PDB file of N, CA and C in Angstrom:
ATOM      1  N   UNK A   1      16.634  -1.990   9.057  1.00  0.00           N
ATOM      2  CA  UNK A   1      15.651  -0.939   9.110  1.00  0.00           C
ATOM      3  C   UNK A   1      15.846  -0.179  10.422  1.00  0.00           C
ATOM      4  N   UNK A   2      15.858   1.138  10.346  1.00  0.00           N
ATOM      5  CA  UNK A   2      16.068   1.947  11.544  1.00  0.00           C
ATOM      6  C   UNK A   2      14.814   1.950  12.419  1.00  0.00           C
ATOM      7  N   UNK A   3      14.992   2.334  13.660  1.00  0.00           N
ATOM      8  CA  UNK A   3      13.873   2.376  14.605  1.00  0.00           C
ATOM      9  C   UNK A   3      12.765   3.307  14.118  1.00  0.00           C
ATOM     10  N   UNK A   4      13.071   4.548  13.662  1.00  0.00           N
ATOM     11  CA  UNK A   4      11.987   5.413  13.177  1.00  0.00           C
ATOM     12  C   UNK A   4      11.211   4.809  12.007  1.00  0.00           C
ATOM     13  N   UNK A   5      11.912   4.116  11.108  1.00  0.00           N
ATOM     14  CA  UNK A   5      11.227   3.475   9.984  1.00  0.00           C
ATOM     15  C   UNK A   5      10.315   2.360  10.482  1.00  0.00           C
ATOM     16  N   UNK A   6      10.784   1.593  11.440  1.00  0.00           N
ATOM     17  CA  UNK A   6       9.982   0.508  11.989  1.00  0.00           C
ATOM     18  C   UNK A   6       8.744   1.066  12.686  1.00  0.00           C
ATOM     19  N   UNK A   7       8.911   2.160  13.426  1.00  0.00           N
ATOM     20  CA  UNK A   7       7.776   2.797  14.103  1.00  0.00           C
ATOM     21  C   UNK A   7       6.758   3.287  13.081  1.00  0.00           C
ATOM     22  N   UNK A   8       7.242   3.888  11.990  1.00  0.00           N
ATOM     23  CA  UNK A   8       6.356   4.358  10.930  1.00  0.00           C
ATOM     24  C   UNK A   8       5.576   3.200  10.322  1.00  0.00           C
ATOM     25  N   UNK A   9       6.258   2.126  10.002  1.00  0.00           N
ATOM     26  CA  UNK A   9       5.599   0.968   9.401  1.00  0.00           C
ATOM     27  C   UNK A   9       4.559   0.380  10.353  1.00  0.00           C
ATOM     28  N   UNK A  10       4.888   0.275  11.622  1.00  0.00           N
ATOM     29  CA  UNK A  10       3.925  -0.237  12.611  1.00  0.00           C
ATOM     30  C   UNK A  10       2.715   0.688  12.722  1.00  0.00           C
ATOM     31  N   UNK A  11       2.940   1.995  12.696  1.00  0.00           N
ATOM     32  CA  UNK A  11       1.829   2.950  12.775  1.00  0.00           C
ATOM     33  C   UNK A  11       0.920   2.822  11.552  1.00  0.00           C
ATOM     34  N   UNK A  12       1.519   2.706  10.377  1.00  0.00           N
ATOM     35  CA  UNK A  12       0.741   2.541   9.150  1.00  0.00           C
ATOM     36  C   UNK A  12      -0.051   1.233   9.208  1.00  0.00           C
ATOM     37  N   UNK A  13       0.588   0.168   9.631  1.00  0.00           N
ATOM     38  CA  UNK A  13      -0.085  -1.131   9.733  1.00  0.00           C
ATOM     39  C   UNK A  13      -1.261  -1.054  10.713  1.00  0.00           C
ATOM     40  N   UNK A  14      -1.042  -0.427  11.867  1.00  0.00           N
ATOM     41  CA  UNK A  14      -2.116  -0.298  12.855  1.00  0.00           C
ATOM     42  C   UNK A  14      -3.303   0.471  12.291  1.00  0.00           C
ATOM     43  N   UNK A  15      -3.021   1.564  11.589  1.00  0.00           N
ATOM     44  CA  UNK A  15      -4.108   2.362  11.001  1.00  0.00           C
ATOM     45  C   UNK A  15      -4.837   1.576   9.921  1.00  0.00           C
ATOM     46  N   UNK A  16      -4.098   0.877   9.093  1.00  0.00           N
ATOM     47  CA  UNK A  16      -4.710   0.102   8.011  1.00  0.00           C
ATOM     48  C   UNK A  16      -5.608  -0.997   8.568  1.00  0.00           C
ATOM     49  N   UNK A  17      -5.181  -1.612   9.654  1.00  0.00           N
ATOM     50  CA  UNK A  17      -5.969  -2.695  10.235  1.00  0.00           C
ATOM     51  C   UNK A  17      -7.291  -2.201  10.817  1.00  0.00           C
ATOM     52  N   UNK A  18      -7.440  -0.900  10.993  1.00  0.00           N
ATOM     53  CA  UNK A  18      -8.689  -0.324  11.478  1.00  0.00           C
ATOM     54  C   UNK A  18      -9.668  -0.033  10.336  1.00  0.00           C
ATOM     55  N   UNK A  19      -9.185  -0.146   9.103  1.00  0.00           N
ATOM     56  CA  UNK A  19     -10.019   0.153   7.946  1.00  0.00           C
ATOM     57  C   UNK A  19     -11.016  -0.965   7.668  1.00  0.00           C
ATOM     58  N   UNK A  20     -12.078  -0.588   6.999  1.00  0.00           N
ATOM     59  CA  UNK A  20     -13.089  -1.539   6.564  1.00  0.00           C
ATOM     60  C   UNK A  20     -12.518  -2.370   5.407  1.00  0.00           C
ATOM     61  N   UNK A  21     -12.768  -3.673   5.449  1.00  0.00           N
ATOM     62  CA  UNK A  21     -12.355  -4.547   4.344  1.00  0.00           C
ATOM     63  C   UNK A  21     -13.277  -4.265   3.167  1.00  0.00           C
ATOM     64  N   UNK A  22     -12.748  -3.733   2.100  1.00  0.00           N
ATOM     65  CA  UNK A  22     -13.569  -3.421   0.931  1.00  0.00           C
ATOM     66  C   UNK A  22     -13.734  -4.633   0.019  1.00  0.00           C
ATOM     67  N   UNK A  23     -12.850  -5.572   0.191  1.00  0.00           N
ATOM     68  CA  UNK A  23     -12.928  -6.890  -0.439  1.00  0.00           C
ATOM     69  C   UNK A  23     -12.062  -7.795   0.423  1.00  0.00           C
ATOM     70  N   UNK A  24     -12.232  -9.111   0.335  1.00  0.00           N
ATOM     71  CA  UNK A  24     -11.405 -10.001   1.153  1.00  0.00           C
ATOM     72  C   UNK A  24      -9.915  -9.802   0.849  1.00  0.00           C
ATOM     73  N   UNK A  25      -9.133  -9.478   1.862  1.00  0.00           N
ATOM     74  CA  UNK A  25      -7.704  -9.265   1.694  1.00  0.00           C
ATOM     75  C   UNK A  25      -7.318  -7.825   1.413  1.00  0.00           C
ATOM     76  N   UNK A  26      -8.283  -6.906   1.434  1.00  0.00           N
ATOM     77  CA  UNK A  26      -8.011  -5.496   1.119  1.00  0.00           C
ATOM     78  C   UNK A  26      -6.933  -4.902   2.021  1.00  0.00           C
ATOM     79  N   UNK A  27      -7.071  -5.091   3.314  1.00  0.00           N
ATOM     80  CA  UNK A  27      -6.116  -4.486   4.254  1.00  0.00           C
ATOM     81  C   UNK A  27      -4.712  -5.036   4.016  1.00  0.00           C
ATOM     82  N   UNK A  28      -4.602  -6.321   3.795  1.00  0.00           N
ATOM     83  CA  UNK A  28      -3.302  -6.933   3.519  1.00  0.00           C
ATOM     84  C   UNK A  28      -2.702  -6.367   2.236  1.00  0.00           C
ATOM     85  N   UNK A  29      -3.520  -6.257   1.190  1.00  0.00           N
ATOM     86  CA  UNK A  29      -3.039  -5.687  -0.074  1.00  0.00           C
ATOM     87  C   UNK A  29      -2.585  -4.250   0.126  1.00  0.00           C
ATOM     88  N   UNK A  30      -3.369  -3.470   0.855  1.00  0.00           N
ATOM     89  CA  UNK A  30      -3.034  -2.071   1.089  1.00  0.00           C
ATOM     90  C   UNK A  30      -1.713  -1.943   1.851  1.00  0.00           C
ATOM     91  N   UNK A  31      -1.547  -2.734   2.885  1.00  0.00           N
ATOM     92  CA  UNK A  31      -0.306  -2.701   3.665  1.00  0.00           C
ATOM     93  C   UNK A  31       0.880  -3.070   2.782  1.00  0.00           C
ATOM     94  N   UNK A  32       0.722  -4.087   1.940  1.00  0.00           N
ATOM     95  CA  UNK A  32       1.803  -4.492   1.037  1.00  0.00           C
ATOM     96  C   UNK A  32       2.195  -3.358   0.091  1.00  0.00           C
ATOM     97  N   UNK A  33       1.201  -2.690  -0.511  1.00  0.00           N
ATOM     98  CA  UNK A  33       1.504  -1.615  -1.441  1.00  0.00           C
ATOM     99  C   UNK A  33       2.083  -0.401  -0.733  1.00  0.00           C
ATOM    100  N   UNK A  34       1.607  -0.093   0.464  1.00  0.00           N
ATOM    101  CA  UNK A  34       2.187   1.017   1.220  1.00  0.00           C
ATOM    102  C   UNK A  34       3.637   0.715   1.592  1.00  0.00           C
ATOM    103  N   UNK A  35       3.923  -0.526   1.936  1.00  0.00           N
ATOM    104  CA  UNK A  35       5.306  -0.911   2.241  1.00  0.00           C
ATOM    105  C   UNK A  35       6.192  -0.736   1.009  1.00  0.00           C
ATOM    106  N   UNK A  36       5.666  -1.066  -0.159  1.00  0.00           N
ATOM    107  CA  UNK A  36       6.434  -0.878  -1.396  1.00  0.00           C
ATOM    108  C   UNK A  36       6.710   0.599  -1.645  1.00  0.00           C
ATOM    109  N   UNK A  37       5.704   1.451  -1.410  1.00  0.00           N
ATOM    110  CA  UNK A  37       5.883   2.894  -1.595  1.00  0.00           C
ATOM    111  C   UNK A  37       6.929   3.423  -0.618  1.00  0.00           C
ATOM    112  N   UNK A  38       6.866   2.988   0.639  1.00  0.00           N
ATOM    113  CA  UNK A  38       7.859   3.425   1.621  1.00  0.00           C
ATOM    114  C   UNK A  38       9.256   2.962   1.227  1.00  0.00           C
ATOM    115  N   UNK A  39       9.339   1.769   0.672  1.00  0.00           N
ATOM    116  CA  UNK A  39      10.624   1.245   0.225  1.00  0.00           C
ATOM    117  C   UNK A  39      11.182   2.083  -0.927  1.00  0.00           C
ATOM    118  N   UNK A  40      10.319   2.475  -1.839  1.00  0.00           N
ATOM    119  CA  UNK A  40      10.748   3.325  -2.961  1.00  0.00           C
ATOM    120  C   UNK A  40      11.281   4.648  -2.421  1.00  0.00           C
ATOM    121  N   UNK A  41      10.532   5.238  -1.507  1.00  0.00           N
ATOM    122  CA  UNK A  41      10.934   6.528  -0.943  1.00  0.00           C
ATOM    123  C   UNK A  41      12.254   6.407  -0.199  1.00  0.00           C
ATOM    124  N   UNK A  42      12.414   5.323   0.535  1.00  0.00           N
ATOM    125  CA  UNK A  42      13.620   5.107   1.332  1.00  0.00           C
ATOM    126  C   UNK A  42      14.853   4.943   0.447  1.00  0.00           C
ATOM    127  N   UNK A  43      14.683   4.331  -0.722  1.00  0.00           N
ATOM    128  CA  UNK A  43      15.824   4.117  -1.621  1.00  0.00           C
ATOM    129  C   UNK A  43      16.206   5.389  -2.375  1.00  0.00           C
ATOM    130  N   UNK A  44      15.342   6.393  -2.343  1.00  0.00           N
ATOM    131  CA  UNK A  44      15.569   7.703  -2.939  1.00  0.00           C
ATOM    132  C   UNK A  44      16.030   7.663  -4.396  1.00  0.00           C
ATOM    133  N   UNK A  45      15.287   6.969  -5.240  1.00  0.00           N
ATOM    134  CA  UNK A  45      15.646   7.001  -6.664  1.00  0.00           C
ATOM    135  C   UNK A  45      15.310   8.370  -7.254  1.00  0.00           C
ATOM    136  N   UNK A  46      15.899   8.661  -8.378  1.00  0.00           N
ATOM    137  CA  UNK A  46      15.637   9.955  -9.024  1.00  0.00           C
ATOM    138  C   UNK A  46      14.184  10.072  -9.468  1.00  0.00           C
ATOM    139  N   UNK A  47      13.584   8.974  -9.843  1.00  0.00           N
ATOM    140  CA  UNK A  47      12.217   8.998 -10.366  1.00  0.00           C
ATOM    141  C   UNK A  47      11.212   8.502  -9.320  1.00  0.00           C
ATOM    142  N   UNK A  48      11.368   8.949  -8.081  1.00  0.00           N
ATOM    143  CA  UNK A  48      10.517   8.471  -6.995  1.00  0.00           C
ATOM    144  C   UNK A  48       9.042   8.765  -7.269  1.00  0.00           C
ATOM    145  N   UNK A  49       8.725   9.930  -7.792  1.00  0.00           N
ATOM    146  CA  UNK A  49       7.326  10.279  -8.045  1.00  0.00           C
ATOM    147  C   UNK A  49       6.729   9.318  -9.072  1.00  0.00           C
ATOM    148  N   UNK A  50       7.458   9.054 -10.119  1.00  0.00           N
ATOM    149  CA  UNK A  50       6.971   8.141 -11.155  1.00  0.00           C
ATOM    150  C   UNK A  50       6.765   6.742 -10.584  1.00  0.00           C
ATOM    151  N   UNK A  51       7.692   6.268  -9.785  1.00  0.00           N
ATOM    152  CA  UNK A  51       7.570   4.927  -9.220  1.00  0.00           C
ATOM    153  C   UNK A  51       6.395   4.841  -8.248  1.00  0.00           C
ATOM    154  N   UNK A  52       6.184   5.876  -7.457  1.00  0.00           N
ATOM    155  CA  UNK A  52       5.049   5.879  -6.532  1.00  0.00           C
ATOM    156  C   UNK A  52       3.741   5.921  -7.325  1.00  0.00           C
ATOM    157  N   UNK A  53       3.684   6.734  -8.367  1.00  0.00           N
ATOM    158  CA  UNK A  53       2.493   6.784  -9.210  1.00  0.00           C
ATOM    159  C   UNK A  53       2.202   5.417  -9.831  1.00  0.00           C
ATOM    160  N   UNK A  54       3.239   4.726 -10.264  1.00  0.00           N
ATOM    161  CA  UNK A  54       3.060   3.391 -10.840  1.00  0.00           C
ATOM    162  C   UNK A  54       2.488   2.424  -9.803  1.00  0.00           C
ATOM    163  N   UNK A  55       3.000   2.484  -8.573  1.00  0.00           N
ATOM    164  CA  UNK A  55       2.486   1.612  -7.514  1.00  0.00           C
ATOM    165  C   UNK A  55       1.026   1.936  -7.201  1.00  0.00           C
ATOM    166  N   UNK A  56       0.690   3.224  -7.181  1.00  0.00           N
ATOM    167  CA  UNK A  56      -0.697   3.606  -6.932  1.00  0.00           C
ATOM    168  C   UNK A  56      -1.610   3.122  -8.055  1.00  0.00           C
ATOM    169  N   UNK A  57      -1.138   3.180  -9.276  1.00  0.00           N
ATOM    170  CA  UNK A  57      -1.920   2.684 -10.408  1.00  0.00           C
ATOM    171  C   UNK A  57      -2.153   1.182 -10.284  1.00  0.00           C
ATOM    172  N   UNK A  58      -1.111   0.457  -9.931  1.00  0.00           N
ATOM    173  CA  UNK A  58      -1.234  -0.993  -9.759  1.00  0.00           C
ATOM    174  C   UNK A  58      -2.247  -1.306  -8.657  1.00  0.00           C
ATOM    175  N   UNK A  59      -2.144  -0.586  -7.530  1.00  0.00           N
ATOM    176  CA  UNK A  59      -3.085  -0.835  -6.445  1.00  0.00           C
ATOM    177  C   UNK A  59      -4.506  -0.444  -6.850  1.00  0.00           C
ATOM    178  N   UNK A  60      -4.659   0.654  -7.562  1.00  0.00           N
ATOM    179  CA  UNK A  60      -5.979   1.064  -8.036  1.00  0.00           C
ATOM    180  C   UNK A  60      -6.593   0.018  -8.950  1.00  0.00           C
ATOM    181  N   UNK A  61      -5.798  -0.533  -9.845  1.00  0.00           N
ATOM    182  CA  UNK A  61      -6.283  -1.593 -10.732  1.00  0.00           C
ATOM    183  C   UNK A  61      -6.688  -2.826  -9.936  1.00  0.00           C
ATOM    184  N   UNK A  62      -5.868  -3.196  -8.960  1.00  0.00           N
ATOM    185  CA  UNK A  62      -6.177  -4.344  -8.108  1.00  0.00           C
ATOM    186  C   UNK A  62      -7.473  -4.098  -7.340  1.00  0.00           C
ATOM    187  N   UNK A  63      -7.620  -2.909  -6.794  1.00  0.00           N
ATOM    188  CA  UNK A  63      -8.819  -2.550  -6.039  1.00  0.00           C
ATOM    189  C   UNK A  63     -10.066  -2.649  -6.917  1.00  0.00           C
ATOM    190  N   UNK A  64     -10.020  -2.064  -8.111  1.00  0.00           N
ATOM    191  CA  UNK A  64     -11.175  -2.117  -9.008  1.00  0.00           C
ATOM    192  C   UNK A  64     -11.512  -3.557  -9.378  1.00  0.00           C
ATOM    193  N   UNK A  65     -10.499  -4.350  -9.698  1.00  0.00           N
ATOM    194  CA  UNK A  65     -10.750  -5.734 -10.092  1.00  0.00           C
ATOM    195  C   UNK A  65     -11.360  -6.540  -8.947  1.00  0.00           C
ATOM    196  N   UNK A  66     -10.766  -6.440  -7.769  1.00  0.00           N
ATOM    197  CA  UNK A  66     -11.259  -7.234  -6.645  1.00  0.00           C
ATOM    198  C   UNK A  66     -12.597  -6.713  -6.135  1.00  0.00           C
ATOM    199  N   UNK A  67     -12.816  -5.404  -6.210  1.00  0.00           N
ATOM    200  CA  UNK A  67     -14.105  -4.853  -5.781  1.00  0.00           C
ATOM    201  C   UNK A  67     -15.222  -5.300  -6.706  1.00  0.00           C
ATOM    202  N   UNK A  68     -14.936  -5.342  -8.009  1.00  0.00           N
ATOM    203  CA  UNK A  68     -15.969  -5.755  -8.953  1.00  0.00           C
ATOM    204  C   UNK A  68     -16.241  -7.248  -8.875  1.00  0.00           C
ATOM    205  N   UNK A  69     -15.290  -8.039  -8.408  1.00  0.00           N
ATOM    206  CA  UNK A  69     -15.519  -9.480  -8.247  1.00  0.00           C
ATOM    207  C   UNK A  69     -16.616  -9.726  -7.225  1.00  0.00           C
ATOM    208  N   UNK A  70     -16.693  -8.888  -6.216  1.00  0.00           N
ATOM    209  CA  UNK A  70     -17.702  -9.042  -5.179  1.00  0.00           C
ATOM    210  C   UNK A  70     -19.087  -8.622  -5.617  1.00  0.00           C
ATOM    211  N   UNK A  71     -19.187  -7.823  -6.688  1.00  0.00           N
ATOM    212  CA  UNK A  71     -20.487  -7.340  -7.145  1.00  0.00           C
ATOM    213  C   UNK A  71     -20.992  -8.086  -8.369  1.00  0.00           C
ATOM    214  N   UNK A  72     -20.174  -8.947  -8.946  1.00  0.00           N
ATOM    215  CA  UNK A  72     -20.570  -9.673 -10.163  1.00  0.00           C
ATOM    216  C   UNK A  72     -21.411 -10.867  -9.820  1.00  0.00           C
TER     217      UNK A  72
END
């Protein structure tokens, strides 16, 4: 991983760690999914938009499921 990529990942991680935990493990889940999105972008596949949308959908589903667990 190049230095600029590492700096970007550290900056994203630092910002995420300042966020409110919306459910236990939210920040960790968010960092993991953002890392996956950055990895997709870095690999420059032809269908990058589709792959990023799929990752966002997966994270959205995870968020809804885990958020509703806390209210049930």
